């Protein structure tokens, strides 16, 4: 799924100790959920933390192999390039 939010509140579960920035974030998020009968047994939620930090201006995208909002856009549009980060290595 694509998780979109504007960072207007403190979000300790995703950004511990970071005050709100007011910036918009879009990231692909994967949730693996297991049920036993009708009850939730467990869930695991995964996202690219580096992409979040880049979009909030808390990490330099130029010096690290990190995609920002592009990773979420790629999930929605399969025609976009798969890994433009490889272009930086050349």
PDB file of N, CA and C in Angstrom:
ATOM      1  N   UNK A   1       0.848  -1.173   0.000  1.00  0.00           N
ATOM      2  CA  UNK A   1       0.000   0.000   0.000  1.00  0.00           C
ATOM      3  C   UNK A   1       0.893   1.235   0.000  1.00  0.00           C
ATOM      4  N   UNK A   2       0.337   2.361  -0.376  1.00  0.00           N
ATOM      5  CA  UNK A   2       1.059   3.629  -0.305  1.00  0.00           C
ATOM      6  C   UNK A   2       0.548   4.367   0.932  1.00  0.00           C
ATOM      7  N   UNK A   3       1.460   4.703   1.804  1.00  0.00           N
ATOM      8  CA  UNK A   3       1.144   5.416   3.038  1.00  0.00           C
ATOM      9  C   UNK A   3       1.515   6.878   2.822  1.00  0.00           C
ATOM     10  N   UNK A   4       0.524   7.764   2.881  1.00  0.00           N
ATOM     11  CA  UNK A   4       0.740   9.195   2.660  1.00  0.00           C
ATOM     12  C   UNK A   4       0.345   9.963   3.913  1.00  0.00           C
ATOM     13  N   UNK A   5       1.186  10.918   4.289  1.00  0.00           N
ATOM     14  CA  UNK A   5       0.845  11.760   5.431  1.00  0.00           C
ATOM     15  C   UNK A   5       1.622  13.065   5.379  1.00  0.00           C
ATOM     16  N   UNK A   6       1.107  14.038   6.079  1.00  0.00           N
ATOM     17  CA  UNK A   6       1.844  15.279   6.310  1.00  0.00           C
ATOM     18  C   UNK A   6       2.296  15.224   7.759  1.00  0.00           C
ATOM     19  N   UNK A   7       3.566  15.409   7.969  1.00  0.00           N
ATOM     20  CA  UNK A   7       4.177  15.250   9.294  1.00  0.00           C
ATOM     21  C   UNK A   7       3.871  16.470  10.177  1.00  0.00           C
ATOM     22  N   UNK A   8       2.647  16.492  10.708  1.00  0.00           N
ATOM     23  CA  UNK A   8       2.189  17.621  11.522  1.00  0.00           C
ATOM     24  C   UNK A   8       2.142  17.315  13.016  1.00  0.00           C
ATOM     25  N   UNK A   9       2.415  16.073  13.377  1.00  0.00           N
ATOM     26  CA  UNK A   9       2.432  15.685  14.794  1.00  0.00           C
ATOM     27  C   UNK A   9       3.665  14.828  15.064  1.00  0.00           C
ATOM     28  N   UNK A  10       3.997  14.666  16.323  1.00  0.00           N
ATOM     29  CA  UNK A  10       5.078  13.774  16.708  1.00  0.00           C
ATOM     30  C   UNK A  10       4.607  12.344  16.482  1.00  0.00           C
ATOM     31  N   UNK A  11       5.439  11.529  15.810  1.00  0.00           N
ATOM     32  CA  UNK A  11       5.070  10.151  15.459  1.00  0.00           C
ATOM     33  C   UNK A  11       6.148   9.211  15.988  1.00  0.00           C
ATOM     34  N   UNK A  12       6.132   8.942  17.278  1.00  0.00           N
ATOM     35  CA  UNK A  12       7.191   8.138  17.878  1.00  0.00           C
ATOM     36  C   UNK A  12       7.286   6.729  17.306  1.00  0.00           C
ATOM     37  N   UNK A  13       6.198   6.180  16.808  1.00  0.00           N
ATOM     38  CA  UNK A  13       6.252   4.827  16.258  1.00  0.00           C
ATOM     39  C   UNK A  13       7.033   4.776  14.942  1.00  0.00           C
ATOM     40  N   UNK A  14       7.093   5.899  14.211  1.00  0.00           N
ATOM     41  CA  UNK A  14       7.828   5.933  12.951  1.00  0.00           C
ATOM     42  C   UNK A  14       9.071   6.805  13.029  1.00  0.00           C
ATOM     43  N   UNK A  15       8.976   7.898  13.765  1.00  0.00           N
ATOM     44  CA  UNK A  15      10.060   8.882  13.836  1.00  0.00           C
ATOM     45  C   UNK A  15      10.335   9.250  15.295  1.00  0.00           C
ATOM     46  N   UNK A  16      10.886   8.316  16.064  1.00  0.00           N
ATOM     47  CA  UNK A  16      11.085   8.583  17.490  1.00  0.00           C
ATOM     48  C   UNK A  16      11.993   9.785  17.737  1.00  0.00           C
ATOM     49  N   UNK A  17      11.514  10.691  18.584  1.00  0.00           N
ATOM     50  CA  UNK A  17      12.298  11.848  18.982  1.00  0.00           C
ATOM     51  C   UNK A  17      12.400  12.961  17.958  1.00  0.00           C
ATOM     52  N   UNK A  18      11.666  12.865  16.851  1.00  0.00           N
ATOM     53  CA  UNK A  18      11.733  13.890  15.806  1.00  0.00           C
ATOM     54  C   UNK A  18      10.473  14.737  15.853  1.00  0.00           C
ATOM     55  N   UNK A  19      10.661  16.035  16.047  1.00  0.00           N
ATOM     56  CA  UNK A  19       9.525  16.966  16.073  1.00  0.00           C
ATOM     57  C   UNK A  19       8.917  17.063  14.674  1.00  0.00           C
ATOM     58  N   UNK A  20       7.652  17.448  14.622  1.00  0.00           N
ATOM     59  CA  UNK A  20       6.974  17.527  13.319  1.00  0.00           C
ATOM     60  C   UNK A  20       7.676  18.535  12.420  1.00  0.00           C
ATOM     61  N   UNK A  21       7.676  18.218  11.121  1.00  0.00           N
ATOM     62  CA  UNK A  21       8.360  19.050  10.133  1.00  0.00           C
ATOM     63  C   UNK A  21       7.383  19.783   9.220  1.00  0.00           C
ATOM     64  N   UNK A  22       6.128  19.337   9.186  1.00  0.00           N
ATOM     65  CA  UNK A  22       5.153  19.931   8.290  1.00  0.00           C
ATOM     66  C   UNK A  22       5.299  19.473   6.851  1.00  0.00           C
ATOM     67  N   UNK A  23       6.205  18.523   6.598  1.00  0.00           N
ATOM     68  CA  UNK A  23       6.447  18.065   5.228  1.00  0.00           C
ATOM     69  C   UNK A  23       5.601  16.842   4.886  1.00  0.00           C
ATOM     70  N   UNK A  24       5.348  16.704   3.595  1.00  0.00           N
ATOM     71  CA  UNK A  24       4.540  15.601   3.058  1.00  0.00           C
ATOM     72  C   UNK A  24       5.429  14.395   2.803  1.00  0.00           C
ATOM     73  N   UNK A  25       4.923  13.197   3.090  1.00  0.00           N
ATOM     74  CA  UNK A  25       5.656  11.952   2.894  1.00  0.00           C
ATOM     75  C   UNK A  25       4.751  10.963   2.170  1.00  0.00           C
ATOM     76  N   UNK A  26       5.341  10.238   1.221  1.00  0.00           N
ATOM     77  CA  UNK A  26       4.662   9.144   0.535  1.00  0.00           C
ATOM     78  C   UNK A  26       5.638   7.989   0.467  1.00  0.00           C
ATOM     79  N   UNK A  27       5.248   6.844   1.046  1.00  0.00           N
ATOM     80  CA  UNK A  27       6.127   5.673   1.036  1.00  0.00           C
ATOM     81  C   UNK A  27       5.323   4.406   0.784  1.00  0.00           C
ATOM     82  N   UNK A  28       5.968   3.435   0.114  1.00  0.00           N
ATOM     83  CA  UNK A  28       5.339   2.122   0.050  1.00  0.00           C
ATOM     84  C   UNK A  28       5.429   1.488   1.438  1.00  0.00           C
ATOM     85  N   UNK A  29       4.383   0.828   1.848  1.00  0.00           N
ATOM     86  CA  UNK A  29       4.345   0.183   3.152  1.00  0.00           C
ATOM     87  C   UNK A  29       3.797  -1.222   2.950  1.00  0.00           C
ATOM     88  N   UNK A  30       4.451  -2.187   3.561  1.00  0.00           N
ATOM     89  CA  UNK A  30       4.032  -3.578   3.450  1.00  0.00           C
ATOM     90  C   UNK A  30       3.576  -4.049   4.818  1.00  0.00           C
ATOM     91  N   UNK A  31       2.412  -4.644   4.878  1.00  0.00           N
ATOM     92  CA  UNK A  31       1.908  -5.214   6.129  1.00  0.00           C
ATOM     93  C   UNK A  31       1.661  -6.709   5.919  1.00  0.00           C
ATOM     94  N   UNK A  32       2.263  -7.498   6.770  1.00  0.00           N
ATOM     95  CA  UNK A  32       2.039  -8.940   6.753  1.00  0.00           C
ATOM     96  C   UNK A  32       1.252  -9.263   8.016  1.00  0.00           C
ATOM     97  N   UNK A  33       0.062  -9.775   7.816  1.00  0.00           N
ATOM     98  CA  UNK A  33      -0.869  -9.988   8.924  1.00  0.00           C
ATOM     99  C   UNK A  33      -1.288 -11.457   8.941  1.00  0.00           C
ATOM    100  N   UNK A  34      -1.292 -12.035  10.127  1.00  0.00           N
ATOM    101  CA  UNK A  34      -1.740 -13.419  10.251  1.00  0.00           C
ATOM    102  C   UNK A  34      -2.926 -13.483  11.207  1.00  0.00           C
ATOM    103  N   UNK A  35      -3.910 -14.228  10.787  1.00  0.00           N
ATOM    104  CA  UNK A  35      -5.092 -14.452  11.611  1.00  0.00           C
ATOM    105  C   UNK A  35      -5.137 -15.910  12.027  1.00  0.00           C
ATOM    106  N   UNK A  36      -5.646 -16.147  13.204  1.00  0.00           N
ATOM    107  CA  UNK A  36      -5.982 -17.495  13.667  1.00  0.00           C
ATOM    108  C   UNK A  36      -7.476 -17.470  13.931  1.00  0.00           C
ATOM    109  N   UNK A  37      -8.190 -18.116  13.056  1.00  0.00           N
ATOM    110  CA  UNK A  37      -9.635 -18.021  13.141  1.00  0.00           C
ATOM    111  C   UNK A  37     -10.050 -16.602  12.813  1.00  0.00           C
ATOM    112  N   UNK A  38     -10.786 -15.985  13.699  1.00  0.00           N
ATOM    113  CA  UNK A  38     -11.238 -14.607  13.490  1.00  0.00           C
ATOM    114  C   UNK A  38     -10.406 -13.600  14.268  1.00  0.00           C
ATOM    115  N   UNK A  39      -9.308 -14.062  14.887  1.00  0.00           N
ATOM    116  CA  UNK A  39      -8.483 -13.172  15.716  1.00  0.00           C
ATOM    117  C   UNK A  39      -7.148 -12.872  15.056  1.00  0.00           C
ATOM    118  N   UNK A  40      -6.682 -11.657  15.255  1.00  0.00           N
ATOM    119  CA  UNK A  40      -5.374 -11.249  14.767  1.00  0.00           C
ATOM    120  C   UNK A  40      -4.299 -11.938  15.598  1.00  0.00           C
ATOM    121  N   UNK A  41      -3.429 -12.692  14.952  1.00  0.00           N
ATOM    122  CA  UNK A  41      -2.356 -13.396  15.655  1.00  0.00           C
ATOM    123  C   UNK A  41      -1.098 -12.529  15.739  1.00  0.00           C
ATOM    124  N   UNK A  42      -0.711 -11.906  14.635  1.00  0.00           N
ATOM    125  CA  UNK A  42       0.426 -10.978  14.643  1.00  0.00           C
ATOM    126  C   UNK A  42       0.443 -10.167  13.361  1.00  0.00           C
ATOM    127  N   UNK A  43       1.206  -9.084  13.397  1.00  0.00           N
ATOM    128  CA  UNK A  43       1.387  -8.267  12.203  1.00  0.00           C
ATOM    129  C   UNK A  43       2.806  -7.733  12.178  1.00  0.00           C
ATOM    130  N   UNK A  44       3.323  -7.598  10.986  1.00  0.00           N
ATOM    131  CA  UNK A  44       4.650  -7.030  10.756  1.00  0.00           C
ATOM    132  C   UNK A  44       4.478  -5.947   9.704  1.00  0.00           C
ATOM    133  N   UNK A  45       4.975  -4.768   9.990  1.00  0.00           N
ATOM    134  CA  UNK A  45       4.832  -3.644   9.071  1.00  0.00           C
ATOM    135  C   UNK A  45       6.236  -3.179   8.679  1.00  0.00           C
ATOM    136  N   UNK A  46       6.456  -3.049   7.376  1.00  0.00           N
ATOM    137  CA  UNK A  46       7.771  -2.682   6.854  1.00  0.00           C
ATOM    138  C   UNK A  46       7.668  -1.455   5.961  1.00  0.00           C
ATOM    139  N   UNK A  47       8.689  -0.581   6.048  1.00  0.00           N
ATOM    140  CA  UNK A  47       8.805   0.566   5.162  1.00  0.00           C
ATOM    141  C   UNK A  47      10.270   0.957   5.083  1.00  0.00           C
ATOM    142  N   UNK A  48      10.590   1.782   4.115  1.00  0.00           N
ATOM    143  CA  UNK A  48      11.960   2.255   3.907  1.00  0.00           C
ATOM    144  C   UNK A  48      12.156   3.532   4.724  1.00  0.00           C
ATOM    145  N   UNK A  49      12.789   3.396   5.869  1.00  0.00           N
ATOM    146  CA  UNK A  49      12.979   4.532   6.771  1.00  0.00           C
ATOM    147  C   UNK A  49      13.844   5.619   6.127  1.00  0.00           C
ATOM    148  N   UNK A  50      14.822   5.226   5.327  1.00  0.00           N
ATOM    149  CA  UNK A  50      15.672   6.217   4.670  1.00  0.00           C
ATOM    150  C   UNK A  50      14.853   7.106   3.741  1.00  0.00           C
ATOM    151  N   UNK A  51      13.892   6.530   3.042  1.00  0.00           N
ATOM    152  CA  UNK A  51      13.024   7.316   2.162  1.00  0.00           C
ATOM    153  C   UNK A  51      12.216   8.335   2.964  1.00  0.00           C
ATOM    154  N   UNK A  52      11.758   7.943   4.128  1.00  0.00           N
ATOM    155  CA  UNK A  52      11.026   8.871   4.999  1.00  0.00           C
ATOM    156  C   UNK A  52      11.927  10.026   5.402  1.00  0.00           C
ATOM    157  N   UNK A  53      13.146   9.723   5.840  1.00  0.00           N
ATOM    158  CA  UNK A  53      14.071  10.763   6.297  1.00  0.00           C
ATOM    159  C   UNK A  53      14.456  11.725   5.175  1.00  0.00           C
ATOM    160  N   UNK A  54      14.626  11.200   3.954  1.00  0.00           N
ATOM    161  CA  UNK A  54      14.935  12.052   2.805  1.00  0.00           C
ATOM    162  C   UNK A  54      13.785  13.017   2.538  1.00  0.00           C
ATOM    163  N   UNK A  55      12.565  12.513   2.563  1.00  0.00           N
ATOM    164  CA  UNK A  55      11.405  13.356   2.273  1.00  0.00           C
ATOM    165  C   UNK A  55      11.173  14.415   3.343  1.00  0.00           C
ATOM    166  N   UNK A  56      11.632  14.150   4.552  1.00  0.00           N
ATOM    167  CA  UNK A  56      11.498  15.142   5.624  1.00  0.00           C
ATOM    168  C   UNK A  56      12.679  16.105   5.668  1.00  0.00           C
ATOM    169  N   UNK A  57      13.647  15.899   4.771  1.00  0.00           N
ATOM    170  CA  UNK A  57      14.817  16.773   4.746  1.00  0.00           C
ATOM    171  C   UNK A  57      15.810  16.469   5.856  1.00  0.00           C
ATOM    172  N   UNK A  58      15.763  15.259   6.401  1.00  0.00           N
ATOM    173  CA  UNK A  58      16.631  14.881   7.515  1.00  0.00           C
ATOM    174  C   UNK A  58      17.800  14.004   7.088  1.00  0.00           C
ATOM    175  N   UNK A  59      17.908  13.712   5.788  1.00  0.00           N
ATOM    176  CA  UNK A  59      19.002  12.927   5.248  1.00  0.00           C
ATOM    177  C   UNK A  59      19.277  13.412   3.834  1.00  0.00           C
ATOM    178  N   UNK A  60      20.533  13.384   3.457  1.00  0.00           N
ATOM    179  CA  UNK A  60      20.935  13.891   2.143  1.00  0.00           C
ATOM    180  C   UNK A  60      20.815  12.802   1.090  1.00  0.00           C
ATOM    181  N   UNK A  61      19.919  12.979   0.146  1.00  0.00           N
ATOM    182  CA  UNK A  61      19.700  11.997  -0.909  1.00  0.00           C
ATOM    183  C   UNK A  61      20.885  11.945  -1.877  1.00  0.00           C
ATOM    184  N   UNK A  62      21.630  13.024  -1.989  1.00  0.00           N
ATOM    185  CA  UNK A  62      22.732  13.080  -2.955  1.00  0.00           C
ATOM    186  C   UNK A  62      23.893  12.169  -2.558  1.00  0.00           C
ATOM    187  N   UNK A  63      24.066  11.911  -1.280  1.00  0.00           N
ATOM    188  CA  UNK A  63      25.238  11.162  -0.826  1.00  0.00           C
ATOM    189  C   UNK A  63      24.933   9.712  -0.465  1.00  0.00           C
ATOM    190  N   UNK A  64      23.670   9.319  -0.467  1.00  0.00           N
ATOM    191  CA  UNK A  64      23.296   7.961  -0.085  1.00  0.00           C
ATOM    192  C   UNK A  64      22.473   7.296  -1.190  1.00  0.00           C
ATOM    193  N   UNK A  65      22.533   5.975  -1.294  1.00  0.00           N
ATOM    194  CA  UNK A  65      21.709   5.272  -2.290  1.00  0.00           C
ATOM    195  C   UNK A  65      20.270   5.125  -1.791  1.00  0.00           C
ATOM    196  N   UNK A  66      19.563   6.243  -1.774  1.00  0.00           N
ATOM    197  CA  UNK A  66      18.219   6.289  -1.202  1.00  0.00           C
ATOM    198  C   UNK A  66      17.276   6.957  -2.191  1.00  0.00           C
ATOM    199  N   UNK A  67      16.102   6.382  -2.345  1.00  0.00           N
ATOM    200  CA  UNK A  67      15.052   7.010  -3.143  1.00  0.00           C
ATOM    201  C   UNK A  67      14.109   7.729  -2.191  1.00  0.00           C
ATOM    202  N   UNK A  68      13.525   8.790  -2.649  1.00  0.00           N
ATOM    203  CA  UNK A  68      12.543   9.501  -1.842  1.00  0.00           C
ATOM    204  C   UNK A  68      11.150   9.084  -2.255  1.00  0.00           C
ATOM    205  N   UNK A  69      10.342  10.053  -2.626  1.00  0.00           N
ATOM    206  CA  UNK A  69       8.963   9.792  -3.037  1.00  0.00           C
ATOM    207  C   UNK A  69       8.911   8.922  -4.295  1.00  0.00           C
ATOM    208  N   UNK A  70      10.010   8.857  -5.035  1.00  0.00           N
ATOM    209  CA  UNK A  70      10.045   8.052  -6.266  1.00  0.00           C
ATOM    210  C   UNK A  70       9.697   6.586  -6.013  1.00  0.00           C
ATOM    211  N   UNK A  71      10.054   6.070  -4.854  1.00  0.00           N
ATOM    212  CA  UNK A  71       9.751   4.657  -4.573  1.00  0.00           C
ATOM    213  C   UNK A  71       8.246   4.422  -4.491  1.00  0.00           C
ATOM    214  N   UNK A  72       7.508   5.353  -3.924  1.00  0.00           N
ATOM    215  CA  UNK A  72       6.047   5.220  -3.869  1.00  0.00           C
ATOM    216  C   UNK A  72       5.444   5.390  -5.256  1.00  0.00           C
ATOM    217  N   UNK A  73       5.980   6.316  -6.026  1.00  0.00           N
ATOM    218  CA  UNK A  73       5.460   6.553  -7.369  1.00  0.00           C
ATOM    219  C   UNK A  73       5.667   5.335  -8.269  1.00  0.00           C
ATOM    220  N   UNK A  74       6.804   4.630  -8.078  1.00  0.00           N
ATOM    221  CA  UNK A  74       7.087   3.435  -8.878  1.00  0.00           C
ATOM    222  C   UNK A  74       6.067   2.337  -8.599  1.00  0.00           C
ATOM    223  N   UNK A  75       5.629   2.195  -7.370  1.00  0.00           N
ATOM    224  CA  UNK A  75       4.620   1.195  -7.032  1.00  0.00           C
ATOM    225  C   UNK A  75       3.329   1.454  -7.806  1.00  0.00           C
ATOM    226  N   UNK A  76       3.004   2.719  -7.980  1.00  0.00           N
ATOM    227  CA  UNK A  76       1.765   3.089  -8.665  1.00  0.00           C
ATOM    228  C   UNK A  76       1.881   3.086 -10.182  1.00  0.00           C
ATOM    229  N   UNK A  77       3.107   3.258 -10.699  1.00  0.00           N
ATOM    230  CA  UNK A  77       3.296   3.341 -12.145  1.00  0.00           C
ATOM    231  C   UNK A  77       4.426   2.421 -12.593  1.00  0.00           C
ATOM    232  N   UNK A  78       4.101   1.234 -13.103  1.00  0.00           N
ATOM    233  CA  UNK A  78       5.145   0.287 -13.504  1.00  0.00           C
ATOM    234  C   UNK A  78       5.987   0.753 -14.686  1.00  0.00           C
ATOM    235  N   UNK A  79       5.609   1.827 -15.363  1.00  0.00           N
ATOM    236  CA  UNK A  79       6.384   2.335 -16.490  1.00  0.00           C
ATOM    237  C   UNK A  79       7.563   3.203 -16.058  1.00  0.00           C
ATOM    238  N   UNK A  80       7.597   3.595 -14.793  1.00  0.00           N
ATOM    239  CA  UNK A  80       8.729   4.383 -14.303  1.00  0.00           C
ATOM    240  C   UNK A  80       9.966   3.498 -14.203  1.00  0.00           C
ATOM    241  N   UNK A  81      11.172   4.089 -14.266  1.00  0.00           N
ATOM    242  CA  UNK A  81      12.391   3.273 -14.166  1.00  0.00           C
ATOM    243  C   UNK A  81      12.435   2.530 -12.831  1.00  0.00           C
ATOM    244  N   UNK A  82      12.964   1.310 -12.868  1.00  0.00           N
ATOM    245  CA  UNK A  82      12.981   0.481 -11.663  1.00  0.00           C
ATOM    246  C   UNK A  82      14.019   0.919 -10.653  1.00  0.00           C
ATOM    247  N   UNK A  83      15.194   1.300 -11.096  1.00  0.00           N
ATOM    248  CA  UNK A  83      16.227   1.657 -10.135  1.00  0.00           C
ATOM    249  C   UNK A  83      17.102   2.781 -10.671  1.00  0.00           C
ATOM    250  N   UNK A  84      16.639   4.019 -10.612  1.00  0.00           N
ATOM    251  CA  UNK A  84      17.451   5.123 -11.111  1.00  0.00           C
ATOM    252  C   UNK A  84      18.696   5.372 -10.276  1.00  0.00           C
ATOM    253  N   UNK A  85      18.801   4.743  -9.102  1.00  0.00           N
ATOM    254  CA  UNK A  85      19.987   4.928  -8.269  1.00  0.00           C
ATOM    255  C   UNK A  85      21.243   4.376  -8.936  1.00  0.00           C
ATOM    256  N   UNK A  86      21.082   3.392  -9.817  1.00  0.00           N
ATOM    257  CA  UNK A  86      22.244   2.842 -10.494  1.00  0.00           C
ATOM    258  C   UNK A  86      22.891   3.870 -11.407  1.00  0.00           C
ATOM    259  N   UNK A  87      22.158   4.866 -11.849  1.00  0.00           N
ATOM    260  CA  UNK A  87      22.734   5.910 -12.707  1.00  0.00           C
ATOM    261  C   UNK A  87      23.776   6.713 -11.966  1.00  0.00           C
ATOM    262  N   UNK A  88      23.669   6.833 -10.659  1.00  0.00           N
ATOM    263  CA  UNK A  88      24.648   7.590  -9.870  1.00  0.00           C
ATOM    264  C   UNK A  88      25.993   6.885  -9.805  1.00  0.00           C
ATOM    265  N   UNK A  89      26.001   5.577  -9.932  1.00  0.00           N
ATOM    266  CA  UNK A  89      27.243   4.803  -9.795  1.00  0.00           C
ATOM    267  C   UNK A  89      28.160   4.973 -10.993  1.00  0.00           C
ATOM    268  N   UNK A  90      27.620   5.424 -12.102  1.00  0.00           N
ATOM    269  CA  UNK A  90      28.407   5.544 -13.335  1.00  0.00           C
ATOM    270  C   UNK A  90      29.296   6.767 -13.286  1.00  0.00           C
TER     271      UNK A  90
END
